[in-house]
Amino acid sequence: MVFAIKRRPTSQVMVGNIGIGSDYPIRVQSMTNTNTEDVDATVSQIIELADAGSEIVRVTVNTELAAKAVPFIVEKLDTLGYTTPVV
């Protein structure tokens, strides 16, 4: 038996350089389980996820310190050549 999957029309948005919605393919996403305040551990896990094929990586921003760490995480990833969007 073959099933045809019909996609509903949706809006499209860009998350960094990754298109979502409309005619874009379904994207692989994952989430870190590190303490976002720990920049090095979070960067390391994001790299592992990106290398494994994750196109978007989510992080928890549940404290003010975690929120302040995000720009440092993104900057470090950029320095290492990773452009995977962090949301």
PDB file of N, CA and C in Angstrom:
ATOM      1  N   MET A   1       0.834  -1.156   0.000  1.00  0.00           N
ATOM      2  CA  MET A   1       0.000   0.000   0.000  1.00  0.00           C
ATOM      3  C   MET A   1       0.899   1.247   0.000  1.00  0.00           C
ATOM      4  N   VAL A   2       0.590   2.196  -0.842  1.00  0.00           N
ATOM      5  CA  VAL A   2       1.349   3.438  -0.919  1.00  0.00           C
ATOM      6  C   VAL A   2       0.455   4.573  -0.449  1.00  0.00           C
ATOM      7  N   PHE A   3       0.986   5.385   0.440  1.00  0.00           N
ATOM      8  CA  PHE A   3       0.247   6.527   0.948  1.00  0.00           C
ATOM      9  C   PHE A   3       0.844   7.802   0.380  1.00  0.00           C
ATOM     10  N   ALA A   4       0.004   8.681  -0.062  1.00  0.00           N
ATOM     11  CA  ALA A   4       0.458   9.989  -0.530  1.00  0.00           C
ATOM     12  C   ALA A   4       0.270  10.984   0.606  1.00  0.00           C
ATOM     13  N   ILE A   5       1.309  11.738   0.868  1.00  0.00           N
ATOM     14  CA  ILE A   5       1.233  12.745   1.918  1.00  0.00           C
ATOM     15  C   ILE A   5       0.990  14.092   1.255  1.00  0.00           C
ATOM     16  N   LYS A   6      -0.091  14.713   1.650  1.00  0.00           N
ATOM     17  CA  LYS A   6      -0.425  16.029   1.111  1.00  0.00           C
ATOM     18  C   LYS A   6      -0.076  17.075   2.153  1.00  0.00           C
ATOM     19  N   ARG A   7       0.759  18.014   1.751  1.00  0.00           N
ATOM     20  CA  ARG A   7       1.142  19.086   2.661  1.00  0.00           C
ATOM     21  C   ARG A   7       0.161  20.229   2.556  1.00  0.00           C
ATOM     22  N   ARG A   8      -0.165  20.793   3.712  1.00  0.00           N
ATOM     23  CA  ARG A   8      -1.033  21.969   3.734  1.00  0.00           C
ATOM     24  C   ARG A   8      -0.222  23.193   3.332  1.00  0.00           C
ATOM     25  N   PRO A   9      -0.845  24.153   2.664  1.00  0.00           N
ATOM     26  CA  PRO A   9      -0.136  25.396   2.358  1.00  0.00           C
ATOM     27  C   PRO A   9       0.213  26.131   3.654  1.00  0.00           C
ATOM     28  N   THR A  10       1.440  26.573   3.764  1.00  0.00           N
ATOM     29  CA  THR A  10       1.877  27.290   4.955  1.00  0.00           C
ATOM     30  C   THR A  10       2.716  28.495   4.545  1.00  0.00           C
ATOM     31  N   SER A  11       2.918  29.376   5.483  1.00  0.00           N
ATOM     32  CA  SER A  11       3.823  30.504   5.260  1.00  0.00           C
ATOM     33  C   SER A  11       5.249  29.991   5.298  1.00  0.00           C
ATOM     34  N   GLN A  12       6.137  30.725   4.703  1.00  0.00           N
ATOM     35  CA  GLN A  12       7.540  30.347   4.811  1.00  0.00           C
ATOM     36  C   GLN A  12       8.292  31.408   5.603  1.00  0.00           C
ATOM     37  N   VAL A  13       9.246  30.935   6.395  1.00  0.00           N
ATOM     38  CA  VAL A  13      10.092  31.827   7.176  1.00  0.00           C
ATOM     39  C   VAL A  13      11.530  31.341   7.061  1.00  0.00           C
ATOM     40  N   MET A  14      12.452  32.234   7.334  1.00  0.00           N
ATOM     41  CA  MET A  14      13.859  31.881   7.348  1.00  0.00           C
ATOM     42  C   MET A  14      14.342  31.898   8.797  1.00  0.00           C
ATOM     43  N   VAL A  15      15.029  30.862   9.181  1.00  0.00           N
ATOM     44  CA  VAL A  15      15.683  30.778  10.483  1.00  0.00           C
ATOM     45  C   VAL A  15      17.170  30.719  10.157  1.00  0.00           C
ATOM     46  N   GLY A  16      17.823  31.864  10.278  1.00  0.00           N
ATOM     47  CA  GLY A  16      19.200  31.940   9.792  1.00  0.00           C
ATOM     48  C   GLY A  16      19.184  31.742   8.296  1.00  0.00           C
ATOM     49  N   ASN A  17      19.904  30.749   7.826  1.00  0.00           N
ATOM     50  CA  ASN A  17      19.928  30.455   6.396  1.00  0.00           C
ATOM     51  C   ASN A  17      19.074  29.240   6.032  1.00  0.00           C
ATOM     52  N   ILE A  18      18.207  28.829   6.941  1.00  0.00           N
ATOM     53  CA  ILE A  18      17.369  27.645   6.751  1.00  0.00           C
ATOM     54  C   ILE A  18      15.918  28.068   6.529  1.00  0.00           C
ATOM     55  N   GLY A  19      15.356  27.669   5.400  1.00  0.00           N
ATOM     56  CA  GLY A  19      13.957  27.957   5.113  1.00  0.00           C
ATOM     57  C   GLY A  19      13.043  26.916   5.734  1.00  0.00           C
ATOM     58  N   ILE A  20      11.930  27.382   6.275  1.00  0.00           N
ATOM     59  CA  ILE A  20      10.944  26.503   6.906  1.00  0.00           C
ATOM     60  C   ILE A  20       9.571  26.843   6.337  1.00  0.00           C
ATOM     61  N   GLY A  21       8.745  25.824   6.140  1.00  0.00           N
ATOM     62  CA  GLY A  21       7.385  26.035   5.672  1.00  0.00           C
ATOM     63  C   GLY A  21       7.308  26.052   4.157  1.00  0.00           C
ATOM     64  N   SER A  22       6.116  26.317   3.652  1.00  0.00           N
ATOM     65  CA  SER A  22       5.844  26.394   2.224  1.00  0.00           C
ATOM     66  C   SER A  22       6.373  25.152   1.513  1.00  0.00           C
ATOM     67  N   ASP A  23       7.224  25.322   0.530  1.00  0.00           N
ATOM     68  CA  ASP A  23       7.752  24.201  -0.243  1.00  0.00           C
ATOM     69  C   ASP A  23       9.100  23.703   0.260  1.00  0.00           C
ATOM     70  N   TYR A  24       9.593  24.257   1.381  1.00  0.00           N
ATOM     71  CA  TYR A  24      10.857  23.788   1.934  1.00  0.00           C
ATOM     72  C   TYR A  24      10.670  22.380   2.511  1.00  0.00           C
ATOM     73  N   PRO A  25      11.730  21.583   2.515  1.00  0.00           N
ATOM     74  CA  PRO A  25      11.612  20.240   3.100  1.00  0.00           C
ATOM     75  C   PRO A  25      11.438  20.314   4.615  1.00  0.00           C
ATOM     76  N   ILE A  26      10.980  19.220   5.185  1.00  0.00           N
ATOM     77  CA  ILE A  26      10.882  19.120   6.636  1.00  0.00           C
ATOM     78  C   ILE A  26      12.305  19.162   7.190  1.00  0.00           C
ATOM     79  N   ARG A  27      12.525  19.951   8.209  1.00  0.00           N
ATOM     80  CA  ARG A  27      13.873  20.164   8.747  1.00  0.00           C
ATOM     81  C   ARG A  27      14.153  19.300   9.967  1.00  0.00           C
ATOM     82  N   VAL A  28      15.412  18.876  10.090  1.00  0.00           N
ATOM     83  CA  VAL A  28      15.862  18.104  11.246  1.00  0.00           C
ATOM     84  C   VAL A  28      16.261  19.095  12.331  1.00  0.00           C
ATOM     85  N   GLN A  29      15.628  18.961  13.497  1.00  0.00           N
ATOM     86  CA  GLN A  29      15.908  19.837  14.629  1.00  0.00           C
ATOM     87  C   GLN A  29      16.242  18.994  15.851  1.00  0.00           C
ATOM     88  N   SER A  30      17.033  19.562  16.722  1.00  0.00           N
ATOM     89  CA  SER A  30      17.325  18.899  17.977  1.00  0.00           C
ATOM     90  C   SER A  30      17.469  19.965  19.056  1.00  0.00           C
ATOM     91  N   MET A  31      17.621  19.509  20.297  1.00  0.00           N
ATOM     92  CA  MET A  31      17.754  20.434  21.413  1.00  0.00           C
ATOM     93  C   MET A  31      18.873  19.962  22.320  1.00  0.00           C
ATOM     94  N   THR A  32      19.647  20.912  22.820  1.00  0.00           N
ATOM     95  CA  THR A  32      20.711  20.556  23.747  1.00  0.00           C
ATOM     96  C   THR A  32      20.126  20.185  25.108  1.00  0.00           C
ATOM     97  N   ASN A  33      20.901  19.426  25.860  1.00  0.00           N
ATOM     98  CA  ASN A  33      20.493  19.139  27.237  1.00  0.00           C
ATOM     99  C   ASN A  33      21.556  19.626  28.219  1.00  0.00           C
ATOM    100  N   THR A  34      22.394  20.540  27.743  1.00  0.00           N
ATOM    101  CA  THR A  34      23.415  21.136  28.599  1.00  0.00           C
ATOM    102  C   THR A  34      22.826  22.339  29.332  1.00  0.00           C
ATOM    103  N   ASN A  35      23.548  22.810  30.329  1.00  0.00           N
ATOM    104  CA  ASN A  35      23.201  24.058  30.979  1.00  0.00           C
ATOM    105  C   ASN A  35      23.666  25.159  30.025  1.00  0.00           C
ATOM    106  N   THR A  36      22.763  25.934  29.478  1.00  0.00           N
ATOM    107  CA  THR A  36      23.103  26.941  28.473  1.00  0.00           C
ATOM    108  C   THR A  36      24.112  27.952  29.010  1.00  0.00           C
ATOM    109  N   GLU A  37      24.147  28.152  30.304  1.00  0.00           N
ATOM    110  CA  GLU A  37      25.130  29.056  30.901  1.00  0.00           C
ATOM    111  C   GLU A  37      26.557  28.544  30.710  1.00  0.00           C
ATOM    112  N   ASP A  38      26.712  27.234  30.504  1.00  0.00           N
ATOM    113  CA  ASP A  38      28.028  26.624  30.251  1.00  0.00           C
ATOM    114  C   ASP A  38      28.299  26.698  28.757  1.00  0.00           C
ATOM    115  N   VAL A  39      28.933  27.790  28.342  1.00  0.00           N
ATOM    116  CA  VAL A  39      29.134  28.068  26.917  1.00  0.00           C
ATOM    117  C   VAL A  39      29.895  26.939  26.231  1.00  0.00           C
ATOM    118  N   ASP A  40      31.009  26.495  26.802  1.00  0.00           N
ATOM    119  CA  ASP A  40      31.822  25.468  26.144  1.00  0.00           C
ATOM    120  C   ASP A  40      31.074  24.149  25.974  1.00  0.00           C
ATOM    121  N   ALA A  41      30.356  23.714  27.003  1.00  0.00           N
ATOM    122  CA  ALA A  41      29.606  22.459  26.914  1.00  0.00           C
ATOM    123  C   ALA A  41      28.488  22.571  25.881  1.00  0.00           C
ATOM    124  N   THR A  42      27.820  23.718  25.859  1.00  0.00           N
ATOM    125  CA  THR A  42      26.716  23.915  24.912  1.00  0.00           C
ATOM    126  C   THR A  42      27.244  23.978  23.485  1.00  0.00           C
ATOM    127  N   VAL A  43      28.340  24.696  23.274  1.00  0.00           N
ATOM    128  CA  VAL A  43      28.944  24.756  21.934  1.00  0.00           C
ATOM    129  C   VAL A  43      29.353  23.362  21.480  1.00  0.00           C
ATOM    130  N   SER A  44      29.973  22.606  22.358  1.00  0.00           N
ATOM    131  CA  SER A  44      30.399  21.245  22.021  1.00  0.00           C
ATOM    132  C   SER A  44      29.216  20.381  21.600  1.00  0.00           C
ATOM    133  N   GLN A  45      28.115  20.475  22.339  1.00  0.00           N
ATOM    134  CA  GLN A  45      26.951  19.660  22.001  1.00  0.00           C
ATOM    135  C   GLN A  45      26.297  20.129  20.706  1.00  0.00           C
ATOM    136  N   ILE A  46      26.257  21.427  20.470  1.00  0.00           N
ATOM    137  CA  ILE A  46      25.693  21.940  19.217  1.00  0.00           C
ATOM    138  C   ILE A  46      26.517  21.437  18.032  1.00  0.00           C
ATOM    139  N   ILE A  47      27.829  21.423  18.169  1.00  0.00           N
ATOM    140  CA  ILE A  47      28.693  20.913  17.099  1.00  0.00           C
ATOM    141  C   ILE A  47      28.401  19.436  16.842  1.00  0.00           C
ATOM    142  N   GLU A  48      28.259  18.650  17.907  1.00  0.00           N
ATOM    143  CA  GLU A  48      27.922  17.230  17.747  1.00  0.00           C
ATOM    144  C   GLU A  48      26.599  17.066  17.009  1.00  0.00           C
ATOM    145  N   LEU A  49      25.600  17.849  17.390  1.00  0.00           N
ATOM    146  CA  LEU A  49      24.284  17.756  16.758  1.00  0.00           C
ATOM    147  C   LEU A  49      24.347  18.188  15.293  1.00  0.00           C
ATOM    148  N   ALA A  50      25.061  19.267  15.021  1.00  0.00           N
ATOM    149  CA  ALA A  50      25.190  19.748  13.640  1.00  0.00           C
ATOM    150  C   ALA A  50      25.917  18.718  12.786  1.00  0.00           C
ATOM    151  N   ASP A  51      26.987  18.154  13.318  1.00  0.00           N
ATOM    152  CA  ASP A  51      27.738  17.139  12.572  1.00  0.00           C
ATOM    153  C   ASP A  51      26.911  15.883  12.326  1.00  0.00           C
ATOM    154  N   ALA A  52      25.948  15.614  13.205  1.00  0.00           N
ATOM    155  CA  ALA A  52      25.064  14.450  13.049  1.00  0.00           C
ATOM    156  C   ALA A  52      23.905  14.732  12.098  1.00  0.00           C
ATOM    157  N   GLY A  53      23.773  15.997  11.640  1.00  0.00           N
ATOM    158  CA  GLY A  53      22.743  16.311  10.657  1.00  0.00           C
ATOM    159  C   GLY A  53      21.642  17.242  11.114  1.00  0.00           C
ATOM    160  N   SER A  54      21.704  17.707  12.339  1.00  0.00           N
ATOM    161  CA  SER A  54      20.676  18.641  12.801  1.00  0.00           C
ATOM    162  C   SER A  54      20.841  19.966  12.064  1.00  0.00           C
ATOM    163  N   GLU A  55      19.746  20.460  11.506  1.00  0.00           N
ATOM    164  CA  GLU A  55      19.787  21.703  10.733  1.00  0.00           C
ATOM    165  C   GLU A  55      19.472  22.931  11.586  1.00  0.00           C
ATOM    166  N   ILE A  56      18.801  22.714  12.699  1.00  0.00           N
ATOM    167  CA  ILE A  56      18.464  23.770  13.655  1.00  0.00           C
ATOM    168  C   ILE A  56      18.662  23.174  15.042  1.00  0.00           C
ATOM    169  N   VAL A  57      19.274  23.952  15.941  1.00  0.00           N
ATOM    170  CA  VAL A  57      19.477  23.460  17.309  1.00  0.00           C
ATOM    171  C   VAL A  57      18.819  24.433  18.282  1.00  0.00           C
ATOM    172  N   ARG A  58      18.050  23.874  19.191  1.00  0.00           N
ATOM    173  CA  ARG A  58      17.358  24.661  20.207  1.00  0.00           C
ATOM    174  C   ARG A  58      18.151  24.619  21.505  1.00  0.00           C
ATOM    175  N   VAL A  59      18.134  25.719  22.230  1.00  0.00           N
ATOM    176  CA  VAL A  59      18.752  25.763  23.562  1.00  0.00           C
ATOM    177  C   VAL A  59      17.726  26.321  24.543  1.00  0.00           C
ATOM    178  N   THR A  60      17.878  25.945  25.803  1.00  0.00           N
ATOM    179  CA  THR A  60      17.000  26.466  26.844  1.00  0.00           C
ATOM    180  C   THR A  60      17.544  27.795  27.332  1.00  0.00           C
ATOM    181  N   VAL A  61      16.682  28.783  27.405  1.00  0.00           N
ATOM    182  CA  VAL A  61      17.059  30.086  27.947  1.00  0.00           C
ATOM    183  C   VAL A  61      16.096  30.362  29.102  1.00  0.00           C
ATOM    184  N   ASN A  62      16.408  29.719  30.230  1.00  0.00           N
ATOM    185  CA  ASN A  62      15.488  29.774  31.368  1.00  0.00           C
ATOM    186  C   ASN A  62      15.970  30.670  32.503  1.00  0.00           C
ATOM    187  N   THR A  63      17.133  31.300  32.305  1.00  0.00           N
ATOM    188  CA  THR A  63      17.633  32.247  33.301  1.00  0.00           C
ATOM    189  C   THR A  63      18.252  33.434  32.577  1.00  0.00           C
ATOM    190  N   GLU A  64      18.473  34.492  33.322  1.00  0.00           N
ATOM    191  CA  GLU A  64      19.117  35.671  32.728  1.00  0.00           C
ATOM    192  C   GLU A  64      20.540  35.341  32.284  1.00  0.00           C
ATOM    193  N   LEU A  65      21.255  34.528  33.067  1.00  0.00           N
ATOM    194  CA  LEU A  65      22.617  34.142  32.683  1.00  0.00           C
ATOM    195  C   LEU A  65      22.628  33.295  31.412  1.00  0.00           C
ATOM    196  N   ALA A  66      21.633  32.436  31.260  1.00  0.00           N
ATOM    197  CA  ALA A  66      21.533  31.646  30.036  1.00  0.00           C
ATOM    198  C   ALA A  66      21.300  32.559  28.839  1.00  0.00           C
ATOM    199  N   ALA A  67      20.440  33.547  29.002  1.00  0.00           N
ATOM    200  CA  ALA A  67      20.176  34.501  27.918  1.00  0.00           C
ATOM    201  C   ALA A  67      21.440  35.265  27.550  1.00  0.00           C
ATOM    202  N   LYS A  68      22.220  35.642  28.552  1.00  0.00           N
ATOM    203  CA  LYS A  68      23.460  36.375  28.299  1.00  0.00           C
ATOM    204  C   LYS A  68      24.524  35.500  27.638  1.00  0.00           C
ATOM    205  N   ALA A  69      24.424  34.177  27.804  1.00  0.00           N
ATOM    206  CA  ALA A  69      25.403  33.258  27.225  1.00  0.00           C
ATOM    207  C   ALA A  69      25.183  33.025  25.727  1.00  0.00           C
ATOM    208  N   VAL A  70      23.954  33.189  25.264  1.00  0.00           N
ATOM    209  CA  VAL A  70      23.628  32.856  23.878  1.00  0.00           C
ATOM    210  C   VAL A  70      24.495  33.597  22.855  1.00  0.00           C
ATOM    211  N   PRO A  71      24.699  34.901  22.965  1.00  0.00           N
ATOM    212  CA  PRO A  71      25.564  35.563  21.977  1.00  0.00           C
ATOM    213  C   PRO A  71      26.987  35.000  21.959  1.00  0.00           C
ATOM    214  N   PHE A  72      27.507  34.594  23.119  1.00  0.00           N
ATOM    215  CA  PHE A  72      28.842  34.006  23.173  1.00  0.00           C
ATOM    216  C   PHE A  72      28.864  32.632  22.510  1.00  0.00           C
ATOM    217  N   ILE A  73      27.778  31.881  22.666  1.00  0.00           N
ATOM    218  CA  ILE A  73      27.654  30.578  22.020  1.00  0.00           C
ATOM    219  C   ILE A  73      27.650  30.748  20.507  1.00  0.00           C
ATOM    220  N   VAL A  74      26.829  31.648  20.018  1.00  0.00           N
ATOM    221  CA  VAL A  74      26.723  31.882  18.573  1.00  0.00           C
ATOM    222  C   VAL A  74      28.052  32.392  18.018  1.00  0.00           C
ATOM    223  N   GLU A  75      28.704  33.291  18.748  1.00  0.00           N
ATOM    224  CA  GLU A  75      29.994  33.831  18.296  1.00  0.00           C
ATOM    225  C   GLU A  75      31.051  32.730  18.200  1.00  0.00           C
ATOM    226  N   LYS A  76      31.080  31.854  19.194  1.00  0.00           N
ATOM    227  CA  LYS A  76      32.062  30.765  19.192  1.00  0.00           C
ATOM    228  C   LYS A  76      31.789  29.796  18.049  1.00  0.00           C
ATOM    229  N   LEU A  77      30.522  29.478  17.819  1.00  0.00           N
ATOM    230  CA  LEU A  77      30.172  28.603  16.702  1.00  0.00           C
ATOM    231  C   LEU A  77      30.599  29.223  15.375  1.00  0.00           C
ATOM    232  N   ASP A  78      30.338  30.519  15.224  1.00  0.00           N
ATOM    233  CA  ASP A  78      30.709  31.229  14.005  1.00  0.00           C
ATOM    234  C   ASP A  78      32.224  31.175  13.795  1.00  0.00           C
ATOM    235  N   THR A  79      32.968  31.390  14.861  1.00  0.00           N
ATOM    236  CA  THR A  79      34.432  31.338  14.793  1.00  0.00           C
ATOM    237  C   THR A  79      34.912  29.955  14.333  1.00  0.00           C
ATOM    238  N   LEU A  80      34.185  28.922  14.734  1.00  0.00           N
ATOM    239  CA  LEU A  80      34.549  27.553  14.360  1.00  0.00           C
ATOM    240  C   LEU A  80      33.974  27.130  13.015  1.00  0.00           C
ATOM    241  N   GLY A  81      33.249  28.038  12.356  1.00  0.00           N
ATOM    242  CA  GLY A  81      32.723  27.761  11.018  1.00  0.00           C
ATOM    243  C   GLY A  81      31.363  27.093  10.986  1.00  0.00           C
ATOM    244  N   TYR A  82      30.635  27.115  12.088  1.00  0.00           N
ATOM    245  CA  TYR A  82      29.302  26.519  12.136  1.00  0.00           C
ATOM    246  C   TYR A  82      28.239  27.600  11.998  1.00  0.00           C
ATOM    247  N   THR A  83      27.342  27.405  11.039  1.00  0.00           N
ATOM    248  CA  THR A  83      26.286  28.380  10.788  1.00  0.00           C
ATOM    249  C   THR A  83      24.910  27.829  11.155  1.00  0.00           C
ATOM    250  N   THR A  84      24.875  26.697  11.821  1.00  0.00           N
ATOM    251  CA  THR A  84      23.605  26.096  12.245  1.00  0.00           C
ATOM    252  C   THR A  84      22.845  27.084  13.110  1.00  0.00           C
ATOM    253  N   PRO A  85      21.595  27.416  12.748  1.00  0.00           N
ATOM    254  CA  PRO A  85      20.840  28.352  13.572  1.00  0.00           C
ATOM    255  C   PRO A  85      20.612  27.808  14.990  1.00  0.00           C
ATOM    256  N   VAL A  86      20.784  28.689  15.966  1.00  0.00           N
ATOM    257  CA  VAL A  86      20.531  28.361  17.368  1.00  0.00           C
ATOM    258  C   VAL A  86      19.294  29.141  17.775  1.00  0.00           C
ATOM    259  N   VAL A  87      18.256  28.434  18.220  1.00  0.00           N
ATOM    260  CA  VAL A  87      17.005  29.079  18.596  1.00  0.00           C
ATOM    261  C   VAL A  87      16.623  28.723  20.016  1.00  0.00           C
TER     262      VAL A  87
END
